[in-house]
Amino acid sequence: DDSAPATTADNDIFSVLRLALNDVHDTSLLFGFSVDPSSKEVFYNLEAERRLGDNWQVELRARFFTGPIDATDATFALEQDDYFQLRLARYF
């Protein structure tokens, strides 16, 4: 009803897949998406990581929006805020 607090995820559909291979390189993948059936807006999230030998690790992070985002929608401010990160780390 109208007394409920405003939310950007009203009646959205969310799905996620997590895959952990339990291998010697500790490989893992997390992929999820959220769909707004009324506006057809889709949000994607991807996270992956893997060790490379004993001292190195590579990680990928990505988050992005697709679909038409109306200027009156609460998530309009995030329309251009896609994010991509590739990280290589060395531990010693």
C-alpha atoms as a PDB file:
ATOM      1  CA  ASP A   1       0.000   0.000   0.000  1.00  0.00           C
ATOM      2  CA  ASP A   2       0.995   3.661  -0.049  1.00  0.00           C
ATOM      3  CA  SER A   3       2.296   3.587   3.537  1.00  0.00           C
ATOM      4  CA  ALA A   4       5.078   1.110   2.598  1.00  0.00           C
ATOM      5  CA  PRO A   5       8.569   2.549   2.101  1.00  0.00           C
ATOM      6  CA  ALA A   6       9.718   3.171  -1.465  1.00  0.00           C
ATOM      7  CA  THR A   7      11.920   0.503  -3.042  1.00  0.00           C
ATOM      8  CA  THR A   8      13.661   0.055  -6.390  1.00  0.00           C
ATOM      9  CA  ALA A   9      13.177  -3.725  -6.350  1.00  0.00           C
ATOM     10  CA  ASP A  10       9.381  -3.898  -6.277  1.00  0.00           C
ATOM     11  CA  ASN A  11       8.200  -7.152  -7.951  1.00  0.00           C
ATOM     12  CA  ASP A  12      11.627  -7.787  -9.510  1.00  0.00           C
ATOM     13  CA  ILE A  13      12.863 -11.266 -10.417  1.00  0.00           C
ATOM     14  CA  PHE A  14      16.323 -12.241  -9.160  1.00  0.00           C
ATOM     15  CA  SER A  15      18.403 -15.295  -9.979  1.00  0.00           C
ATOM     16  CA  VAL A  16      21.941 -16.275  -9.014  1.00  0.00           C
ATOM     17  CA  LEU A  17      24.360 -19.078  -9.825  1.00  0.00           C
ATOM     18  CA  ARG A  18      27.388 -19.878  -7.678  1.00  0.00           C
ATOM     19  CA  LEU A  19      29.952 -22.355  -8.915  1.00  0.00           C
ATOM     20  CA  ALA A  20      32.882 -23.424  -6.730  1.00  0.00           C
ATOM     21  CA  LEU A  21      35.039 -26.047  -8.421  1.00  0.00           C
ATOM     22  CA  ASN A  22      36.909 -27.066  -5.234  1.00  0.00           C
ATOM     23  CA  ASP A  23      40.016 -27.469  -7.361  1.00  0.00           C
ATOM     24  CA  VAL A  24      43.618 -26.828  -6.349  1.00  0.00           C
ATOM     25  CA  HIS A  25      43.369 -23.294  -7.842  1.00  0.00           C
ATOM     26  CA  ASP A  26      40.259 -22.422  -5.766  1.00  0.00           C
ATOM     27  CA  THR A  27      38.294 -21.419  -8.878  1.00  0.00           C
ATOM     28  CA  SER A  28      34.903 -19.839  -8.219  1.00  0.00           C
ATOM     29  CA  LEU A  29      32.221 -18.006 -10.187  1.00  0.00           C
ATOM     30  CA  LEU A  30      29.215 -16.004  -9.032  1.00  0.00           C
ATOM     31  CA  PHE A  31      26.716 -14.751 -11.608  1.00  0.00           C
ATOM     32  CA  GLY A  32      23.411 -13.081 -10.867  1.00  0.00           C
ATOM     33  CA  PHE A  33      20.822 -10.934 -12.541  1.00  0.00           C
ATOM     34  CA  SER A  34      17.723  -8.998 -11.600  1.00  0.00           C
ATOM     35  CA  VAL A  35      14.884  -8.198 -14.016  1.00  0.00           C
ATOM     36  CA  ASP A  36      12.155  -5.602 -13.544  1.00  0.00           C
ATOM     37  CA  PRO A  37       9.178  -7.060 -15.490  1.00  0.00           C
ATOM     38  CA  SER A  38       7.402  -3.719 -15.806  1.00  0.00           C
ATOM     39  CA  SER A  39      10.299  -1.618 -17.166  1.00  0.00           C
ATOM     40  CA  LYS A  40      12.383  -4.464 -18.703  1.00  0.00           C
ATOM     41  CA  GLU A  41      15.455  -3.119 -16.888  1.00  0.00           C
ATOM     42  CA  VAL A  42      18.100  -5.789 -16.160  1.00  0.00           C
ATOM     43  CA  PHE A  43      20.991  -5.641 -13.684  1.00  0.00           C
ATOM     44  CA  TYR A  44      23.872  -8.128 -14.072  1.00  0.00           C
ATOM     45  CA  ASN A  45      26.543  -9.058 -11.540  1.00  0.00           C
ATOM     46  CA  LEU A  46      29.586 -11.239 -12.264  1.00  0.00           C
ATOM     47  CA  GLU A  47      32.396 -12.224  -9.897  1.00  0.00           C
ATOM     48  CA  ALA A  48      35.112 -14.763 -10.684  1.00  0.00           C
ATOM     49  CA  GLU A  49      38.432 -15.616  -9.089  1.00  0.00           C
ATOM     50  CA  ARG A  50      41.229 -18.144  -9.383  1.00  0.00           C
ATOM     51  CA  ARG A  51      44.666 -18.657  -7.881  1.00  0.00           C
ATOM     52  CA  LEU A  52      47.612 -18.804 -10.269  1.00  0.00           C
ATOM     53  CA  GLY A  53      50.249 -20.874  -8.536  1.00  0.00           C
ATOM     54  CA  ASP A  54      51.149 -20.301  -4.891  1.00  0.00           C
ATOM     55  CA  ASN A  55      51.572 -16.513  -4.930  1.00  0.00           C
ATOM     56  CA  TRP A  56      49.197 -15.062  -7.532  1.00  0.00           C
ATOM     57  CA  GLN A  57      45.452 -14.587  -7.793  1.00  0.00           C
ATOM     58  CA  VAL A  58      43.308 -13.144 -10.592  1.00  0.00           C
ATOM     59  CA  GLU A  59      39.855 -11.678  -9.916  1.00  0.00           C
ATOM     60  CA  LEU A  60      37.148 -10.322 -12.197  1.00  0.00           C
ATOM     61  CA  ARG A  61      34.266  -8.127 -11.001  1.00  0.00           C
ATOM     62  CA  ALA A  62      31.602  -6.676 -13.307  1.00  0.00           C
ATOM     63  CA  ARG A  63      28.246  -4.991 -12.685  1.00  0.00           C
ATOM     64  CA  PHE A  64      26.103  -3.377 -15.358  1.00  0.00           C
ATOM     65  CA  PHE A  65      22.592  -2.333 -16.327  1.00  0.00           C
ATOM     66  CA  THR A  66      20.779  -2.919 -19.614  1.00  0.00           C
ATOM     67  CA  GLY A  67      17.362  -2.070 -20.922  1.00  0.00           C
ATOM     68  CA  PRO A  68      15.451   1.175 -21.032  1.00  0.00           C
ATOM     69  CA  ILE A  69      15.691   3.176 -17.812  1.00  0.00           C
ATOM     70  CA  ASP A  70      13.081   5.895 -17.529  1.00  0.00           C
ATOM     71  CA  ALA A  71      14.281   9.281 -16.230  1.00  0.00           C
ATOM     72  CA  THR A  72      11.621   9.116 -13.496  1.00  0.00           C
ATOM     73  CA  ASP A  73      12.840   5.707 -12.263  1.00  0.00           C
ATOM     74  CA  ALA A  74      14.752   5.624  -8.954  1.00  0.00           C
ATOM     75  CA  THR A  75      17.664   3.760 -10.612  1.00  0.00           C
ATOM     76  CA  PHE A  76      18.094   6.318 -13.414  1.00  0.00           C
ATOM     77  CA  ALA A  77      21.084   7.824 -11.587  1.00  0.00           C
ATOM     78  CA  LEU A  78      22.869   4.452 -11.935  1.00  0.00           C
ATOM     79  CA  GLU A  79      22.291   4.098 -15.689  1.00  0.00           C
ATOM     80  CA  GLN A  80      25.868   5.085 -16.591  1.00  0.00           C
ATOM     81  CA  ASP A  81      27.506   3.415 -13.571  1.00  0.00           C
ATOM     82  CA  ASP A  82      28.586   0.132 -15.121  1.00  0.00           C
ATOM     83  CA  TYR A  83      31.633  -1.332 -13.415  1.00  0.00           C
ATOM     84  CA  PHE A  84      34.422  -3.628 -14.584  1.00  0.00           C
ATOM     85  CA  GLN A  85      37.513  -4.603 -12.589  1.00  0.00           C
ATOM     86  CA  LEU A  86      40.270  -7.068 -13.408  1.00  0.00           C
ATOM     87  CA  ARG A  87      42.727  -7.548 -10.556  1.00  0.00           C
ATOM     88  CA  LEU A  88      45.990  -9.446 -10.440  1.00  0.00           C
ATOM     89  CA  ALA A  89      47.416  -9.798  -6.938  1.00  0.00           C
ATOM     90  CA  ARG A  90      50.693 -11.247  -5.686  1.00  0.00           C
ATOM     91  CA  TYR A  91      50.950 -12.576  -2.139  1.00  0.00           C
ATOM     92  CA  PHE A  92      54.231 -13.235  -0.356  1.00  0.00           C
END
